[in-house]
């Protein structure tokens, strides 16, 4: 689930992963019109995608399809994928989030156990 409170880069990573899992093509322009990324401008989204995505087609297609100018190349629909660094960074982020939840659950369980033991 893509949350609007998340930082822009995280929202874009989750958007790319969601679209890839659904085998859905999208363009920079179409993504900026989506409800998940509606606050991002074409320039912001293109800059982020250049940092986190692989070439969607041939060599150089990443730069070509993330260039915002009068040629409208950023409206080319492609099947986008994260680069290895972005993907593994996202997995690390998710594991930390899961560990935080597990910690809070274990603290709550410990508190219930101690309360039960005392009374």
C-alpha atoms as a PDB file:
ATOM      1  CA  UNK A   1       0.000   0.000   0.000  1.00  0.00           C
ATOM      2  CA  UNK A   2       1.366   3.388  -0.971  1.00  0.00           C
ATOM      3  CA  UNK A   3       0.856   5.959   1.763  1.00  0.00           C
ATOM      4  CA  UNK A   4       0.745   9.650   0.965  1.00  0.00           C
ATOM      5  CA  UNK A   5       2.718  10.428   4.139  1.00  0.00           C
ATOM      6  CA  UNK A   6       5.737   8.461   2.932  1.00  0.00           C
ATOM      7  CA  UNK A   7       8.702  10.307   1.422  1.00  0.00           C
ATOM      8  CA  UNK A   8       8.517  10.791  -2.346  1.00  0.00           C
ATOM      9  CA  UNK A   9      11.249   8.255  -3.147  1.00  0.00           C
ATOM     10  CA  UNK A  10       9.558   5.555  -1.086  1.00  0.00           C
ATOM     11  CA  UNK A  11       6.207   6.241  -2.749  1.00  0.00           C
ATOM     12  CA  UNK A  12       7.802   5.964  -6.199  1.00  0.00           C
ATOM     13  CA  UNK A  13       9.581   2.719  -5.271  1.00  0.00           C
ATOM     14  CA  UNK A  14       6.310   1.220  -4.046  1.00  0.00           C
ATOM     15  CA  UNK A  15       4.499   2.485  -7.148  1.00  0.00           C
ATOM     16  CA  UNK A  16       7.064   0.877  -9.484  1.00  0.00           C
ATOM     17  CA  UNK A  17       6.900  -2.402  -7.542  1.00  0.00           C
ATOM     18  CA  UNK A  18       3.096  -2.396  -7.571  1.00  0.00           C
ATOM     19  CA  UNK A  19       2.919  -1.763 -11.311  1.00  0.00           C
ATOM     20  CA  UNK A  20       5.592  -4.398 -12.001  1.00  0.00           C
ATOM     21  CA  UNK A  21       3.723  -7.008  -9.954  1.00  0.00           C
ATOM     22  CA  UNK A  22       0.590  -6.274 -12.012  1.00  0.00           C
ATOM     23  CA  UNK A  23       2.636  -6.307 -15.255  1.00  0.00           C
ATOM     24  CA  UNK A  24       1.304  -2.816 -16.006  1.00  0.00           C
ATOM     25  CA  UNK A  25       3.137  -0.318 -18.165  1.00  0.00           C
ATOM     26  CA  UNK A  26       3.131   3.361 -17.260  1.00  0.00           C
ATOM     27  CA  UNK A  27       4.821   6.590 -18.252  1.00  0.00           C
ATOM     28  CA  UNK A  28       6.208   9.424 -16.167  1.00  0.00           C
ATOM     29  CA  UNK A  29       3.254  11.571 -17.188  1.00  0.00           C
ATOM     30  CA  UNK A  30       0.635   8.934 -16.387  1.00  0.00           C
ATOM     31  CA  UNK A  31       2.239   8.213 -13.007  1.00  0.00           C
ATOM     32  CA  UNK A  32       2.080  11.867 -11.982  1.00  0.00           C
ATOM     33  CA  UNK A  33      -1.654  11.759 -12.615  1.00  0.00           C
ATOM     34  CA  UNK A  34      -2.131   8.710 -10.387  1.00  0.00           C
ATOM     35  CA  UNK A  35      -3.695   9.123  -6.959  1.00  0.00           C
ATOM     36  CA  UNK A  36      -0.628   7.523  -5.324  1.00  0.00           C
ATOM     37  CA  UNK A  37       1.836  10.053  -6.760  1.00  0.00           C
ATOM     38  CA  UNK A  38      -0.436  13.044  -7.329  1.00  0.00           C
ATOM     39  CA  UNK A  39       1.776  15.571  -5.548  1.00  0.00           C
ATOM     40  CA  UNK A  40       4.860  14.847  -7.630  1.00  0.00           C
ATOM     41  CA  UNK A  41       5.656  16.952 -10.650  1.00  0.00           C
ATOM     42  CA  UNK A  42       6.912  15.381 -13.868  1.00  0.00           C
ATOM     43  CA  UNK A  43      10.392  16.729 -13.149  1.00  0.00           C
ATOM     44  CA  UNK A  44      10.503  15.318  -9.607  1.00  0.00           C
ATOM     45  CA  UNK A  45       9.239  11.905 -10.683  1.00  0.00           C
ATOM     46  CA  UNK A  46      11.610  11.724 -13.647  1.00  0.00           C
ATOM     47  CA  UNK A  47      14.582  12.600 -11.406  1.00  0.00           C
ATOM     48  CA  UNK A  48      13.645   9.915  -8.872  1.00  0.00           C
ATOM     49  CA  UNK A  49      13.056   7.291 -11.558  1.00  0.00           C
ATOM     50  CA  UNK A  50      16.467   8.004 -13.095  1.00  0.00           C
ATOM     51  CA  UNK A  51      18.007   7.140  -9.722  1.00  0.00           C
ATOM     52  CA  UNK A  52      16.023   3.990  -8.947  1.00  0.00           C
ATOM     53  CA  UNK A  53      15.033   2.317 -12.239  1.00  0.00           C
ATOM     54  CA  UNK A  54      16.675   0.197 -14.910  1.00  0.00           C
ATOM     55  CA  UNK A  55      16.509   0.973 -18.627  1.00  0.00           C
ATOM     56  CA  UNK A  56      12.968  -0.115 -19.509  1.00  0.00           C
ATOM     57  CA  UNK A  57      13.831  -0.999 -23.097  1.00  0.00           C
ATOM     58  CA  UNK A  58      17.180  -0.569 -24.870  1.00  0.00           C
ATOM     59  CA  UNK A  59      20.336   1.051 -23.520  1.00  0.00           C
ATOM     60  CA  UNK A  60      19.735   4.743 -22.926  1.00  0.00           C
ATOM     61  CA  UNK A  61      15.963   4.378 -22.717  1.00  0.00           C
ATOM     62  CA  UNK A  62      15.947   5.350 -19.031  1.00  0.00           C
ATOM     63  CA  UNK A  63      17.398   8.767 -19.819  1.00  0.00           C
ATOM     64  CA  UNK A  64      15.228   9.128 -22.911  1.00  0.00           C
ATOM     65  CA  UNK A  65      11.896   8.269 -21.231  1.00  0.00           C
ATOM     66  CA  UNK A  66      12.599  10.314 -18.112  1.00  0.00           C
ATOM     67  CA  UNK A  67      13.505  13.490 -19.973  1.00  0.00           C
ATOM     68  CA  UNK A  68      10.854  16.142 -19.483  1.00  0.00           C
ATOM     69  CA  UNK A  69      10.844  18.488 -22.471  1.00  0.00           C
ATOM     70  CA  UNK A  70       8.761  19.395 -25.496  1.00  0.00           C
ATOM     71  CA  UNK A  71       9.343  16.045 -27.232  1.00  0.00           C
ATOM     72  CA  UNK A  72       6.880  14.371 -24.832  1.00  0.00           C
ATOM     73  CA  UNK A  73       9.144  11.308 -24.511  1.00  0.00           C
ATOM     74  CA  UNK A  74       8.184  11.086 -20.836  1.00  0.00           C
ATOM     75  CA  UNK A  75       4.713   9.976 -21.998  1.00  0.00           C
ATOM     76  CA  UNK A  76       6.062   6.680 -23.399  1.00  0.00           C
ATOM     77  CA  UNK A  77       4.520   3.723 -21.597  1.00  0.00           C
ATOM     78  CA  UNK A  78       7.058   1.144 -20.415  1.00  0.00           C
ATOM     79  CA  UNK A  79       7.339  -1.761 -18.013  1.00  0.00           C
ATOM     80  CA  UNK A  80       9.595  -0.280 -15.344  1.00  0.00           C
ATOM     81  CA  UNK A  81      11.792  -2.178 -12.871  1.00  0.00           C
ATOM     82  CA  UNK A  82      13.871  -1.071  -9.916  1.00  0.00           C
ATOM     83  CA  UNK A  83      17.637  -1.299 -10.104  1.00  0.00           C
ATOM     84  CA  UNK A  84      19.330  -3.704  -7.682  1.00  0.00           C
ATOM     85  CA  UNK A  85      20.403  -1.004  -5.237  1.00  0.00           C
ATOM     86  CA  UNK A  86      16.905   0.480  -4.960  1.00  0.00           C
ATOM     87  CA  UNK A  87      15.279  -2.945  -4.621  1.00  0.00           C
ATOM     88  CA  UNK A  88      17.594  -4.196  -1.876  1.00  0.00           C
ATOM     89  CA  UNK A  89      17.399  -0.871  -0.056  1.00  0.00           C
ATOM     90  CA  UNK A  90      13.618  -1.184  -0.098  1.00  0.00           C
ATOM     91  CA  UNK A  91      13.832  -4.748   1.230  1.00  0.00           C
ATOM     92  CA  UNK A  92      16.091  -3.515   4.044  1.00  0.00           C
ATOM     93  CA  UNK A  93      13.592  -0.782   4.868  1.00  0.00           C
ATOM     94  CA  UNK A  94      10.748  -3.317   4.986  1.00  0.00           C
ATOM     95  CA  UNK A  95      12.717  -5.649   7.253  1.00  0.00           C
ATOM     96  CA  UNK A  96      13.375  -2.805   9.707  1.00  0.00           C
ATOM     97  CA  UNK A  97       9.662  -1.928   9.693  1.00  0.00           C
ATOM     98  CA  UNK A  98       8.790  -5.573  10.380  1.00  0.00           C
ATOM     99  CA  UNK A  99      11.354  -5.743  13.189  1.00  0.00           C
ATOM    100  CA  UNK A 100       9.865  -2.622  14.802  1.00  0.00           C
ATOM    101  CA  UNK A 101       6.399  -4.177  14.774  1.00  0.00           C
ATOM    102  CA  UNK A 102       7.744  -7.431  16.197  1.00  0.00           C
ATOM    103  CA  UNK A 103       9.509  -5.520  18.971  1.00  0.00           C
ATOM    104  CA  UNK A 104       6.305  -3.725  19.983  1.00  0.00           C
ATOM    105  CA  UNK A 105       4.342  -6.968  19.948  1.00  0.00           C
ATOM    106  CA  UNK A 106       6.941  -8.697  22.127  1.00  0.00           C
ATOM    107  CA  UNK A 107       6.997  -5.758  24.575  1.00  0.00           C
ATOM    108  CA  UNK A 108       3.192  -5.887  24.817  1.00  0.00           C
ATOM    109  CA  UNK A 109       3.266  -9.660  25.352  1.00  0.00           C
ATOM    110  CA  UNK A 110       5.911  -9.265  28.049  1.00  0.00           C
ATOM    111  CA  UNK A 111       3.841  -6.596  29.802  1.00  0.00           C
ATOM    112  CA  UNK A 112       0.767  -8.845  29.748  1.00  0.00           C
ATOM    113  CA  UNK A 113       2.804 -11.774  31.063  1.00  0.00           C
ATOM    114  CA  UNK A 114       4.310  -9.724  33.891  1.00  0.00           C
ATOM    115  CA  UNK A 115       0.911  -8.266  34.804  1.00  0.00           C
ATOM    116  CA  UNK A 116      -0.583 -11.774  34.846  1.00  0.00           C
ATOM    117  CA  UNK A 117       2.265 -13.070  36.988  1.00  0.00           C
ATOM    118  CA  UNK A 118       1.989 -10.238  39.541  1.00  0.00           C
ATOM    119  CA  UNK A 119      -1.777 -10.442  39.960  1.00  0.00           C
END
